[in-house]
C-alpha atoms as a PDB file:
ATOM      1  CA  UNK A   1     -16.858  -1.595   8.750  1.00  0.00           C
ATOM      2  CA  UNK A   2     -13.856  -1.059   6.501  1.00  0.00           C
ATOM      3  CA  UNK A   3     -13.119  -2.688   3.173  1.00  0.00           C
ATOM      4  CA  UNK A   4     -10.634  -4.979   4.940  1.00  0.00           C
ATOM      5  CA  UNK A   5     -13.458  -6.312   7.133  1.00  0.00           C
ATOM      6  CA  UNK A   6     -15.071  -8.093   4.192  1.00  0.00           C
ATOM      7  CA  UNK A   7     -14.799 -11.868   4.038  1.00  0.00           C
ATOM      8  CA  UNK A   8     -13.558 -11.804   0.432  1.00  0.00           C
ATOM      9  CA  UNK A   9     -11.878  -9.217  -1.773  1.00  0.00           C
ATOM     10  CA  UNK A  10     -11.767 -10.170  -5.456  1.00  0.00           C
ATOM     11  CA  UNK A  11      -8.951  -8.371  -7.294  1.00  0.00           C
ATOM     12  CA  UNK A  12      -9.090  -8.151 -11.074  1.00  0.00           C
ATOM     13  CA  UNK A  13      -7.942  -5.892 -13.878  1.00  0.00           C
ATOM     14  CA  UNK A  14      -6.472  -5.871 -17.352  1.00  0.00           C
ATOM     15  CA  UNK A  15      -3.452  -8.125 -17.769  1.00  0.00           C
ATOM     16  CA  UNK A  16      -0.174  -6.347 -17.074  1.00  0.00           C
ATOM     17  CA  UNK A  17      -1.478  -3.630 -14.754  1.00  0.00           C
ATOM     18  CA  UNK A  18       0.015  -5.168 -11.589  1.00  0.00           C
ATOM     19  CA  UNK A  19      -3.064  -7.023 -10.336  1.00  0.00           C
ATOM     20  CA  UNK A  20      -1.064  -9.731  -8.557  1.00  0.00           C
ATOM     21  CA  UNK A  21       1.181  -7.181  -6.838  1.00  0.00           C
ATOM     22  CA  UNK A  22      -1.878  -5.288  -5.604  1.00  0.00           C
ATOM     23  CA  UNK A  23      -3.541  -8.474  -4.323  1.00  0.00           C
ATOM     24  CA  UNK A  24      -0.347  -9.399  -2.468  1.00  0.00           C
ATOM     25  CA  UNK A  25      -0.127  -5.900  -0.983  1.00  0.00           C
ATOM     26  CA  UNK A  26      -3.744  -6.045   0.213  1.00  0.00           C
ATOM     27  CA  UNK A  27      -3.075  -9.384   1.883  1.00  0.00           C
ATOM     28  CA  UNK A  28       0.046  -8.029   3.562  1.00  0.00           C
ATOM     29  CA  UNK A  29      -1.751  -4.883   4.740  1.00  0.00           C
ATOM     30  CA  UNK A  30      -4.508  -7.035   6.254  1.00  0.00           C
ATOM     31  CA  UNK A  31      -1.894  -9.182   8.010  1.00  0.00           C
ATOM     32  CA  UNK A  32      -0.165  -6.081   9.395  1.00  0.00           C
ATOM     33  CA  UNK A  33      -3.505  -4.995  10.871  1.00  0.00           C
ATOM     34  CA  UNK A  34      -3.752  -8.268  12.813  1.00  0.00           C
ATOM     35  CA  UNK A  35      -6.329  -9.937  10.571  1.00  0.00           C
ATOM     36  CA  UNK A  36      -5.812 -13.571   9.588  1.00  0.00           C
ATOM     37  CA  UNK A  37      -5.517 -13.226   5.830  1.00  0.00           C
ATOM     38  CA  UNK A  38      -5.413 -15.794   3.055  1.00  0.00           C
ATOM     39  CA  UNK A  39      -4.054 -14.816  -0.356  1.00  0.00           C
ATOM     40  CA  UNK A  40      -5.630 -17.004  -3.058  1.00  0.00           C
ATOM     41  CA  UNK A  41      -4.154 -17.242  -6.531  1.00  0.00           C
ATOM     42  CA  UNK A  42      -6.264 -18.724  -9.326  1.00  0.00           C
ATOM     43  CA  UNK A  43      -3.739 -20.048 -11.795  1.00  0.00           C
ATOM     44  CA  UNK A  44      -2.104 -23.192 -13.092  1.00  0.00           C
ATOM     45  CA  UNK A  45       1.256 -21.768 -11.961  1.00  0.00           C
ATOM     46  CA  UNK A  46       1.704 -20.063  -8.604  1.00  0.00           C
ATOM     47  CA  UNK A  47       3.682 -16.812  -8.548  1.00  0.00           C
ATOM     48  CA  UNK A  48       2.501 -15.031  -5.408  1.00  0.00           C
ATOM     49  CA  UNK A  49       4.651 -17.061  -3.005  1.00  0.00           C
ATOM     50  CA  UNK A  50       7.779 -15.889  -4.824  1.00  0.00           C
ATOM     51  CA  UNK A  51       6.968 -12.278  -3.901  1.00  0.00           C
ATOM     52  CA  UNK A  52       7.351 -13.271  -0.256  1.00  0.00           C
ATOM     53  CA  UNK A  53      10.642 -15.095  -0.715  1.00  0.00           C
ATOM     54  CA  UNK A  54       9.181 -18.596  -1.095  1.00  0.00           C
ATOM     55  CA  UNK A  55      11.413 -19.679  -3.978  1.00  0.00           C
ATOM     56  CA  UNK A  56       9.739 -23.069  -4.307  1.00  0.00           C
ATOM     57  CA  UNK A  57       6.336 -21.484  -4.813  1.00  0.00           C
ATOM     58  CA  UNK A  58       3.092 -22.846  -3.447  1.00  0.00           C
ATOM     59  CA  UNK A  59       1.932 -26.335  -4.316  1.00  0.00           C
ATOM     60  CA  UNK A  60      -1.574 -26.037  -5.781  1.00  0.00           C
ATOM     61  CA  UNK A  61      -4.223 -26.873  -3.224  1.00  0.00           C
ATOM     62  CA  UNK A  62      -1.991 -26.519  -0.167  1.00  0.00           C
ATOM     63  CA  UNK A  63      -1.666 -23.451   2.037  1.00  0.00           C
ATOM     64  CA  UNK A  64       1.800 -22.029   2.608  1.00  0.00           C
ATOM     65  CA  UNK A  65       2.890 -19.511   5.243  1.00  0.00           C
ATOM     66  CA  UNK A  66       3.942 -16.255   3.591  1.00  0.00           C
ATOM     67  CA  UNK A  67       4.181 -13.834   6.502  1.00  0.00           C
ATOM     68  CA  UNK A  68       2.869 -13.615  10.086  1.00  0.00           C
ATOM     69  CA  UNK A  69      -0.959 -13.686   9.831  1.00  0.00           C
ATOM     70  CA  UNK A  70      -0.762 -14.325   6.068  1.00  0.00           C
ATOM     71  CA  UNK A  71      -0.971 -17.618   4.196  1.00  0.00           C
ATOM     72  CA  UNK A  72      -1.133 -18.316   0.493  1.00  0.00           C
ATOM     73  CA  UNK A  73      -3.110 -20.822  -1.543  1.00  0.00           C
ATOM     74  CA  UNK A  74      -2.916 -21.560  -5.263  1.00  0.00           C
ATOM     75  CA  UNK A  75      -6.150 -22.945  -6.719  1.00  0.00           C
ATOM     76  CA  UNK A  76      -5.716 -24.937  -9.912  1.00  0.00           C
ATOM     77  CA  UNK A  77      -9.167 -25.276 -11.559  1.00  0.00           C
ATOM     78  CA  UNK A  78      -8.731 -28.915 -12.638  1.00  0.00           C
ATOM     79  CA  UNK A  79      -7.633 -29.885  -9.141  1.00  0.00           C
ATOM     80  CA  UNK A  80     -10.583 -27.994  -7.665  1.00  0.00           C
ATOM     81  CA  UNK A  81     -12.879 -29.945  -9.980  1.00  0.00           C
ATOM     82  CA  UNK A  82     -11.412 -33.243  -8.782  1.00  0.00           C
ATOM     83  CA  UNK A  83     -11.876 -32.156  -5.150  1.00  0.00           C
ATOM     84  CA  UNK A  84     -15.514 -31.343  -5.862  1.00  0.00           C
ATOM     85  CA  UNK A  85     -16.055 -34.733  -7.495  1.00  0.00           C
ATOM     86  CA  UNK A  86     -14.459 -36.429  -4.482  1.00  0.00           C
ATOM     87  CA  UNK A  87     -16.904 -34.647  -2.173  1.00  0.00           C
ATOM     88  CA  UNK A  88     -19.823 -35.582  -4.401  1.00  0.00           C
ATOM     89  CA  UNK A  89     -18.832 -39.210  -5.051  1.00  0.00           C
ATOM     90  CA  UNK A  90     -17.092 -39.814  -1.688  1.00  0.00           C
ATOM     91  CA  UNK A  91     -14.490 -42.040  -3.389  1.00  0.00           C
ATOM     92  CA  UNK A  92     -11.284 -40.292  -4.484  1.00  0.00           C
ATOM     93  CA  UNK A  93     -10.139 -43.026  -6.895  1.00  0.00           C
ATOM     94  CA  UNK A  94     -13.495 -42.940  -8.683  1.00  0.00           C
ATOM     95  CA  UNK A  95     -13.431 -39.126  -8.805  1.00  0.00           C
ATOM     96  CA  UNK A  96      -9.932 -39.104 -10.305  1.00  0.00           C
ATOM     97  CA  UNK A  97     -10.888 -41.687 -12.932  1.00  0.00           C
ATOM     98  CA  UNK A  98     -13.983 -39.700 -13.851  1.00  0.00           C
ATOM     99  CA  UNK A  99     -12.090 -36.394 -14.078  1.00  0.00           C
ATOM    100  CA  UNK A 100      -9.478 -37.985 -16.358  1.00  0.00           C
ATOM    101  CA  UNK A 101     -11.984 -39.728 -18.611  1.00  0.00           C
ATOM    102  CA  UNK A 102     -12.584 -38.559 -22.168  1.00  0.00           C
ATOM    103  CA  UNK A 103     -16.357 -38.615 -21.699  1.00  0.00           C
ATOM    104  CA  UNK A 104     -16.150 -36.299 -18.718  1.00  0.00           C
ATOM    105  CA  UNK A 105     -13.876 -34.004 -20.706  1.00  0.00           C
ATOM    106  CA  UNK A 106     -16.609 -33.745 -23.337  1.00  0.00           C
ATOM    107  CA  UNK A 107     -19.151 -33.034 -20.599  1.00  0.00           C
ATOM    108  CA  UNK A 108     -17.138 -30.182 -19.070  1.00  0.00           C
ATOM    109  CA  UNK A 109     -16.531 -28.743 -22.546  1.00  0.00           C
ATOM    110  CA  UNK A 110     -20.297 -28.802 -23.144  1.00  0.00           C
ATOM    111  CA  UNK A 111     -20.914 -27.088 -19.788  1.00  0.00           C
ATOM    112  CA  UNK A 112     -18.681 -24.003 -19.972  1.00  0.00           C
ATOM    113  CA  UNK A 113     -18.041 -22.427 -16.618  1.00  0.00           C
ATOM    114  CA  UNK A 114     -17.958 -25.641 -14.594  1.00  0.00           C
ATOM    115  CA  UNK A 115     -14.309 -25.169 -13.623  1.00  0.00           C
ATOM    116  CA  UNK A 116     -15.014 -21.534 -12.737  1.00  0.00           C
ATOM    117  CA  UNK A 117     -17.939 -22.646 -10.582  1.00  0.00           C
ATOM    118  CA  UNK A 118     -15.920 -25.172  -8.596  1.00  0.00           C
ATOM    119  CA  UNK A 119     -13.100 -22.640  -8.234  1.00  0.00           C
ATOM    120  CA  UNK A 120     -15.483 -20.122  -6.681  1.00  0.00           C
ATOM    121  CA  UNK A 121     -16.987 -22.997  -4.725  1.00  0.00           C
ATOM    122  CA  UNK A 122     -13.575 -23.684  -3.213  1.00  0.00           C
ATOM    123  CA  UNK A 123     -13.380 -20.047  -2.100  1.00  0.00           C
ATOM    124  CA  UNK A 124     -16.912 -20.245  -0.687  1.00  0.00           C
ATOM    125  CA  UNK A 125     -15.960 -23.351   1.312  1.00  0.00           C
ATOM    126  CA  UNK A 126     -12.946 -21.438   2.669  1.00  0.00           C
ATOM    127  CA  UNK A 127     -15.269 -18.723   3.978  1.00  0.00           C
ATOM    128  CA  UNK A 128     -17.270 -21.399   5.779  1.00  0.00           C
ATOM    129  CA  UNK A 129     -14.284 -22.807   7.688  1.00  0.00           C
ATOM    130  CA  UNK A 130     -14.244 -22.079  11.417  1.00  0.00           C
ATOM    131  CA  UNK A 131     -11.761 -22.391  14.255  1.00  0.00           C
ATOM    132  CA  UNK A 132     -12.521 -24.385  17.400  1.00  0.00           C
ATOM    133  CA  UNK A 133     -13.738 -21.133  18.967  1.00  0.00           C
ATOM    134  CA  UNK A 134     -16.279 -20.690  16.184  1.00  0.00           C
ATOM    135  CA  UNK A 135     -14.486 -17.765  14.530  1.00  0.00           C
ATOM    136  CA  UNK A 136     -13.814 -17.610  10.818  1.00  0.00           C
ATOM    137  CA  UNK A 137     -10.556 -19.419  10.092  1.00  0.00           C
ATOM    138  CA  UNK A 138      -9.633 -16.719   7.597  1.00  0.00           C
ATOM    139  CA  UNK A 139     -10.505 -13.158   8.567  1.00  0.00           C
ATOM    140  CA  UNK A 140     -10.036 -11.988   4.986  1.00  0.00           C
ATOM    141  CA  UNK A 141      -9.595 -13.929   1.755  1.00  0.00           C
ATOM    142  CA  UNK A 142      -7.903 -11.899  -0.991  1.00  0.00           C
ATOM    143  CA  UNK A 143      -8.448 -13.463  -4.415  1.00  0.00           C
ATOM    144  CA  UNK A 144      -5.972 -12.735  -7.184  1.00  0.00           C
ATOM    145  CA  UNK A 145      -8.596 -13.379  -9.867  1.00  0.00           C
ATOM    146  CA  UNK A 146      -7.967 -13.775 -13.599  1.00  0.00           C
ATOM    147  CA  UNK A 147      -7.694 -10.693 -15.809  1.00  0.00           C
ATOM    148  CA  UNK A 148     -10.943  -8.858 -16.501  1.00  0.00           C
ATOM    149  CA  UNK A 149     -12.234 -10.959 -19.410  1.00  0.00           C
ATOM    150  CA  UNK A 150     -11.894 -14.244 -17.557  1.00  0.00           C
ATOM    151  CA  UNK A 151     -12.562 -12.487 -14.266  1.00  0.00           C
ATOM    152  CA  UNK A 152     -16.014 -11.405 -15.455  1.00  0.00           C
ATOM    153  CA  UNK A 153     -16.710 -14.956 -16.630  1.00  0.00           C
ATOM    154  CA  UNK A 154     -15.754 -16.197 -13.167  1.00  0.00           C
ATOM    155  CA  UNK A 155     -18.164 -13.766 -11.478  1.00  0.00           C
ATOM    156  CA  UNK A 156     -20.960 -14.551 -13.954  1.00  0.00           C
ATOM    157  CA  UNK A 157     -20.788 -18.338 -13.554  1.00  0.00           C
ATOM    158  CA  UNK A 158     -22.829 -18.907 -10.337  1.00  0.00           C
ATOM    159  CA  UNK A 159     -25.877 -17.101 -11.717  1.00  0.00           C
ATOM    160  CA  UNK A 160     -25.571 -18.991 -14.999  1.00  0.00           C
ATOM    161  CA  UNK A 161     -25.593 -22.338 -13.201  1.00  0.00           C
ATOM    162  CA  UNK A 162     -28.669 -21.328 -11.222  1.00  0.00           C
ATOM    163  CA  UNK A 163     -30.474 -21.297 -14.563  1.00  0.00           C
ATOM    164  CA  UNK A 164     -28.920 -24.580 -15.744  1.00  0.00           C
ATOM    165  CA  UNK A 165     -29.390 -26.604 -12.544  1.00  0.00           C
ATOM    166  CA  UNK A 166     -32.860 -25.859 -11.160  1.00  0.00           C
ATOM    167  CA  UNK A 167     -32.583 -28.242  -8.199  1.00  0.00           C
ATOM    168  CA  UNK A 168     -30.155 -30.424  -6.304  1.00  0.00           C
ATOM    169  CA  UNK A 169     -26.716 -29.896  -4.850  1.00  0.00           C
ATOM    170  CA  UNK A 170     -25.313 -27.891  -7.773  1.00  0.00           C
ATOM    171  CA  UNK A 171     -28.268 -25.492  -7.576  1.00  0.00           C
ATOM    172  CA  UNK A 172     -27.922 -25.012  -3.825  1.00  0.00           C
ATOM    173  CA  UNK A 173     -24.175 -24.419  -3.956  1.00  0.00           C
ATOM    174  CA  UNK A 174     -24.520 -22.113  -6.966  1.00  0.00           C
ATOM    175  CA  UNK A 175     -27.070 -20.096  -5.014  1.00  0.00           C
ATOM    176  CA  UNK A 176     -24.778 -19.865  -1.970  1.00  0.00           C
ATOM    177  CA  UNK A 177     -21.814 -18.828  -4.141  1.00  0.00           C
ATOM    178  CA  UNK A 178     -23.879 -16.258  -6.064  1.00  0.00           C
ATOM    179  CA  UNK A 179     -25.132 -14.779  -2.783  1.00  0.00           C
ATOM    180  CA  UNK A 180     -21.579 -14.522  -1.455  1.00  0.00           C
ATOM    181  CA  UNK A 181     -20.333 -12.743  -4.587  1.00  0.00           C
ATOM    182  CA  UNK A 182     -23.281 -10.315  -4.678  1.00  0.00           C
ATOM    183  CA  UNK A 183     -23.321  -9.520  -0.938  1.00  0.00           C
ATOM    184  CA  UNK A 184     -21.397  -6.260  -0.592  1.00  0.00           C
ATOM    185  CA  UNK A 185     -21.218  -6.725   3.180  1.00  0.00           C
ATOM    186  CA  UNK A 186     -19.180  -9.892   2.640  1.00  0.00           C
ATOM    187  CA  UNK A 187     -17.481  -9.444  -0.734  1.00  0.00           C
ATOM    188  CA  UNK A 188     -15.740  -6.510  -2.372  1.00  0.00           C
ATOM    189  CA  UNK A 189     -14.548  -6.248  -5.970  1.00  0.00           C
ATOM    190  CA  UNK A 190     -11.285  -4.358  -6.445  1.00  0.00           C
ATOM    191  CA  UNK A 191     -10.471  -3.166  -9.967  1.00  0.00           C
ATOM    192  CA  UNK A 192      -6.818  -2.508 -10.751  1.00  0.00           C
ATOM    193  CA  UNK A 193      -5.743  -0.309 -13.643  1.00  0.00           C
ATOM    194  CA  UNK A 194      -2.948   1.903 -14.856  1.00  0.00           C
ATOM    195  CA  UNK A 195      -3.382   5.505 -15.947  1.00  0.00           C
ATOM    196  CA  UNK A 196      -3.002   4.543 -19.597  1.00  0.00           C
ATOM    197  CA  UNK A 197      -5.523   4.652 -22.432  1.00  0.00           C
ATOM    198  CA  UNK A 198      -6.202   0.941 -22.949  1.00  0.00           C
ATOM    199  CA  UNK A 199      -6.304  -0.124 -19.279  1.00  0.00           C
ATOM    200  CA  UNK A 200      -8.593   2.803 -18.419  1.00  0.00           C
ATOM    201  CA  UNK A 201     -10.913   1.983 -21.340  1.00  0.00           C
ATOM    202  CA  UNK A 202     -11.077  -1.675 -20.269  1.00  0.00           C
ATOM    203  CA  UNK A 203     -11.719  -0.661 -16.655  1.00  0.00           C
ATOM    204  CA  UNK A 204     -14.654   1.570 -17.636  1.00  0.00           C
ATOM    205  CA  UNK A 205     -16.019  -1.229 -19.839  1.00  0.00           C
ATOM    206  CA  UNK A 206     -15.718  -3.675 -16.931  1.00  0.00           C
ATOM    207  CA  UNK A 207     -17.715  -1.350 -14.674  1.00  0.00           C
ATOM    208  CA  UNK A 208     -20.494  -1.325 -17.264  1.00  0.00           C
ATOM    209  CA  UNK A 209     -20.417  -5.100 -17.668  1.00  0.00           C
ATOM    210  CA  UNK A 210     -20.662  -5.693 -13.922  1.00  0.00           C
ATOM    211  CA  UNK A 211     -24.007  -3.902 -13.624  1.00  0.00           C
ATOM    212  CA  UNK A 212     -26.133  -6.466 -15.527  1.00  0.00           C
ATOM    213  CA  UNK A 213     -24.702  -9.082 -13.156  1.00  0.00           C
ATOM    214  CA  UNK A 214     -25.994  -7.127 -10.173  1.00  0.00           C
ATOM    215  CA  UNK A 215     -22.396  -6.424  -9.118  1.00  0.00           C
ATOM    216  CA  UNK A 216     -20.315  -3.320  -8.632  1.00  0.00           C
ATOM    217  CA  UNK A 217     -16.720  -2.614  -7.733  1.00  0.00           C
ATOM    218  CA  UNK A 218     -15.901  -1.064  -4.364  1.00  0.00           C
ATOM    219  CA  UNK A 219     -12.680   0.721  -5.326  1.00  0.00           C
ATOM    220  CA  UNK A 220     -10.359   1.488  -8.221  1.00  0.00           C
ATOM    221  CA  UNK A 221      -6.655   1.014  -7.599  1.00  0.00           C
ATOM    222  CA  UNK A 222      -4.572   3.024 -10.061  1.00  0.00           C
ATOM    223  CA  UNK A 223      -1.132   1.454 -10.123  1.00  0.00           C
ATOM    224  CA  UNK A 224       2.312   2.702 -11.179  1.00  0.00           C
ATOM    225  CA  UNK A 225       1.814   6.478 -11.097  1.00  0.00           C
ATOM    226  CA  UNK A 226       4.904   8.573 -11.757  1.00  0.00           C
ATOM    227  CA  UNK A 227       5.661  11.182  -9.079  1.00  0.00           C
ATOM    228  CA  UNK A 228       5.117  14.826 -10.001  1.00  0.00           C
ATOM    229  CA  UNK A 229       8.684  16.121  -9.779  1.00  0.00           C
ATOM    230  CA  UNK A 230       8.336  19.347 -11.763  1.00  0.00           C
ATOM    231  CA  UNK A 231       5.607  21.928 -11.168  1.00  0.00           C
ATOM    232  CA  UNK A 232       4.760  25.523 -11.920  1.00  0.00           C
ATOM    233  CA  UNK A 233       7.331  27.700 -13.682  1.00  0.00           C
ATOM    234  CA  UNK A 234       9.903  24.897 -13.531  1.00  0.00           C
ATOM    235  CA  UNK A 235       7.926  23.023 -16.177  1.00  0.00           C
ATOM    236  CA  UNK A 236       8.503  25.761 -18.766  1.00  0.00           C
ATOM    237  CA  UNK A 237      12.135  26.067 -17.718  1.00  0.00           C
ATOM    238  CA  UNK A 238      12.617  22.358 -18.331  1.00  0.00           C
ATOM    239  CA  UNK A 239      11.022  22.581 -21.772  1.00  0.00           C
ATOM    240  CA  UNK A 240      13.343  25.392 -22.922  1.00  0.00           C
ATOM    241  CA  UNK A 241      16.509  24.316 -21.110  1.00  0.00           C
ATOM    242  CA  UNK A 242      19.550  23.715 -23.355  1.00  0.00           C
ATOM    243  CA  UNK A 243      22.222  22.097 -21.177  1.00  0.00           C
ATOM    244  CA  UNK A 244      25.876  21.730 -22.088  1.00  0.00           C
ATOM    245  CA  UNK A 245      27.493  18.312 -22.380  1.00  0.00           C
ATOM    246  CA  UNK A 246      26.114  14.864 -23.105  1.00  0.00           C
ATOM    247  CA  UNK A 247      25.379  14.063 -19.463  1.00  0.00           C
ATOM    248  CA  UNK A 248      23.295  17.205 -18.997  1.00  0.00           C
ATOM    249  CA  UNK A 249      21.450  16.635 -22.259  1.00  0.00           C
ATOM    250  CA  UNK A 250      20.653  13.046 -21.299  1.00  0.00           C
ATOM    251  CA  UNK A 251      19.369  14.194 -17.904  1.00  0.00           C
ATOM    252  CA  UNK A 252      17.090  16.780 -19.514  1.00  0.00           C
ATOM    253  CA  UNK A 253      15.736  14.227 -22.004  1.00  0.00           C
ATOM    254  CA  UNK A 254      14.959  11.855 -19.143  1.00  0.00           C
ATOM    255  CA  UNK A 255      13.254  14.633 -17.166  1.00  0.00           C
ATOM    256  CA  UNK A 256      11.168  15.667 -20.181  1.00  0.00           C
ATOM    257  CA  UNK A 257      10.160  12.042 -20.790  1.00  0.00           C
ATOM    258  CA  UNK A 258       9.130  11.740 -17.149  1.00  0.00           C
ATOM    259  CA  UNK A 259       7.113  14.953 -17.393  1.00  0.00           C
ATOM    260  CA  UNK A 260       5.365  13.818 -20.575  1.00  0.00           C
ATOM    261  CA  UNK A 261       4.510  10.449 -18.988  1.00  0.00           C
ATOM    262  CA  UNK A 262       3.127  12.158 -15.903  1.00  0.00           C
ATOM    263  CA  UNK A 263       1.022  14.506 -18.058  1.00  0.00           C
ATOM    264  CA  UNK A 264      -0.396  11.535 -19.973  1.00  0.00           C
ATOM    265  CA  UNK A 265      -1.254   9.824 -16.704  1.00  0.00           C
ATOM    266  CA  UNK A 266      -2.933  12.992 -15.396  1.00  0.00           C
ATOM    267  CA  UNK A 267      -5.128  13.013 -18.499  1.00  0.00           C
ATOM    268  CA  UNK A 268      -6.211   9.417 -17.927  1.00  0.00           C
ATOM    269  CA  UNK A 269      -6.901  10.128 -14.262  1.00  0.00           C
ATOM    270  CA  UNK A 270      -9.144  12.943 -15.427  1.00  0.00           C
ATOM    271  CA  UNK A 271     -10.957  10.531 -17.753  1.00  0.00           C
ATOM    272  CA  UNK A 272     -11.556   8.148 -14.847  1.00  0.00           C
ATOM    273  CA  UNK A 273     -12.819  10.967 -12.625  1.00  0.00           C
ATOM    274  CA  UNK A 274     -15.236  12.146 -15.327  1.00  0.00           C
ATOM    275  CA  UNK A 275     -16.633   8.653 -15.914  1.00  0.00           C
ATOM    276  CA  UNK A 276     -17.012   7.279 -12.381  1.00  0.00           C
ATOM    277  CA  UNK A 277     -17.265   8.503  -8.803  1.00  0.00           C
ATOM    278  CA  UNK A 278     -15.879   5.225  -7.469  1.00  0.00           C
ATOM    279  CA  UNK A 279     -13.296   5.715  -4.686  1.00  0.00           C
ATOM    280  CA  UNK A 280      -9.759   5.642  -6.050  1.00  0.00           C
ATOM    281  CA  UNK A 281      -6.457   4.645  -4.458  1.00  0.00           C
ATOM    282  CA  UNK A 282      -3.290   5.698  -6.274  1.00  0.00           C
ATOM    283  CA  UNK A 283      -0.073   3.702  -6.015  1.00  0.00           C
ATOM    284  CA  UNK A 284       3.408   4.891  -6.959  1.00  0.00           C
ATOM    285  CA  UNK A 285       5.520   3.486  -9.757  1.00  0.00           C
ATOM    286  CA  UNK A 286       8.184   1.309  -8.154  1.00  0.00           C
ATOM    287  CA  UNK A 287      11.529   2.017  -9.762  1.00  0.00           C
ATOM    288  CA  UNK A 288      12.813  -1.518  -9.193  1.00  0.00           C
ATOM    289  CA  UNK A 289      14.261  -4.208 -11.423  1.00  0.00           C
ATOM    290  CA  UNK A 290      11.720  -6.703 -10.074  1.00  0.00           C
ATOM    291  CA  UNK A 291       9.036  -6.936  -7.425  1.00  0.00           C
ATOM    292  CA  UNK A 292       9.953  -8.444  -4.061  1.00  0.00           C
ATOM    293  CA  UNK A 293       8.747  -8.245  -0.466  1.00  0.00           C
ATOM    294  CA  UNK A 294      10.132  -4.720  -0.056  1.00  0.00           C
ATOM    295  CA  UNK A 295       8.140  -3.592  -3.078  1.00  0.00           C
ATOM    296  CA  UNK A 296       4.976  -5.332  -1.883  1.00  0.00           C
ATOM    297  CA  UNK A 297       5.490  -3.692   1.517  1.00  0.00           C
ATOM    298  CA  UNK A 298       5.779  -0.262  -0.103  1.00  0.00           C
ATOM    299  CA  UNK A 299       2.439  -0.782  -1.849  1.00  0.00           C
ATOM    300  CA  UNK A 300       0.850  -2.218   1.307  1.00  0.00           C
ATOM    301  CA  UNK A 301       1.864   0.890   3.271  1.00  0.00           C
ATOM    302  CA  UNK A 302      -0.317   2.942   0.915  1.00  0.00           C
ATOM    303  CA  UNK A 303      -3.174   0.476   0.455  1.00  0.00           C
ATOM    304  CA  UNK A 304      -3.635  -0.452   4.118  1.00  0.00           C
ATOM    305  CA  UNK A 305      -4.641   2.974   5.506  1.00  0.00           C
ATOM    306  CA  UNK A 306      -6.698   3.746   2.384  1.00  0.00           C
ATOM    307  CA  UNK A 307      -8.651   0.492   2.561  1.00  0.00           C
ATOM    308  CA  UNK A 308      -9.248   0.928   6.307  1.00  0.00           C
ATOM    309  CA  UNK A 309     -11.023   4.214   5.537  1.00  0.00           C
ATOM    310  CA  UNK A 310     -13.175   2.798   2.738  1.00  0.00           C
ATOM    311  CA  UNK A 311     -16.618   1.463   3.753  1.00  0.00           C
END
């Protein structure tokens, strides 16, 4: 069983490390392998669809085709809450009025995590969907989760509600959601980082904070690594080189900057290796003005084979 055979992969990491790009690449790699993949974005604004050339984006709550075998879905927490109320009350108009009411707003403010719970509940319901043949409708659900702070809150919520609601429908669904998140045969947590001091520190802190929740990540994805262009004796030559002309001097400055950046990244990779034995997948820095389908494909070409080999 490979990592891509899980029902759900939850992708999180410090803001700005390329978490969304990695989630999109995982979804694309799964689609290339023939799996029916769903790429879920938890956000008030959908951005993932734009990476696949869907300029209009994805309307929250509605699946959109992104690529053969790959669909996208943007989950907006408030909308997910209204959907849950509709299921519970069985009358949409009443659910909408309740969700918009000031009193209910006070209630949700007094019960922090409710929107996170119904968001995870939406994902759990997606795992329960079946085709007419009885197969899972989505072979793999890749969740572009919030950045680590909010991502940890999202993962913590089902267990918290088990303590709040000791019986009834909320308790039963919280239990089912908590079991899904904690079951490593069904769910994998993917941590994305960059080989930089602050992202690495936050990643190591996240690993520690997952343990009290009974959770652990399955893999670290280190994004945006510079290629090692200069090795051995050429490194010293570059440091002492005094070229003639402005063009040559500019080229040497750029090469030295690249070398220094790569050395800094190597140091942070060493810090990760010393702190955790978690499997690691390294992705190249994409020297592009912006990320598009070609860029996502380049990342997917690396992630796909690596994830197939990970248990």
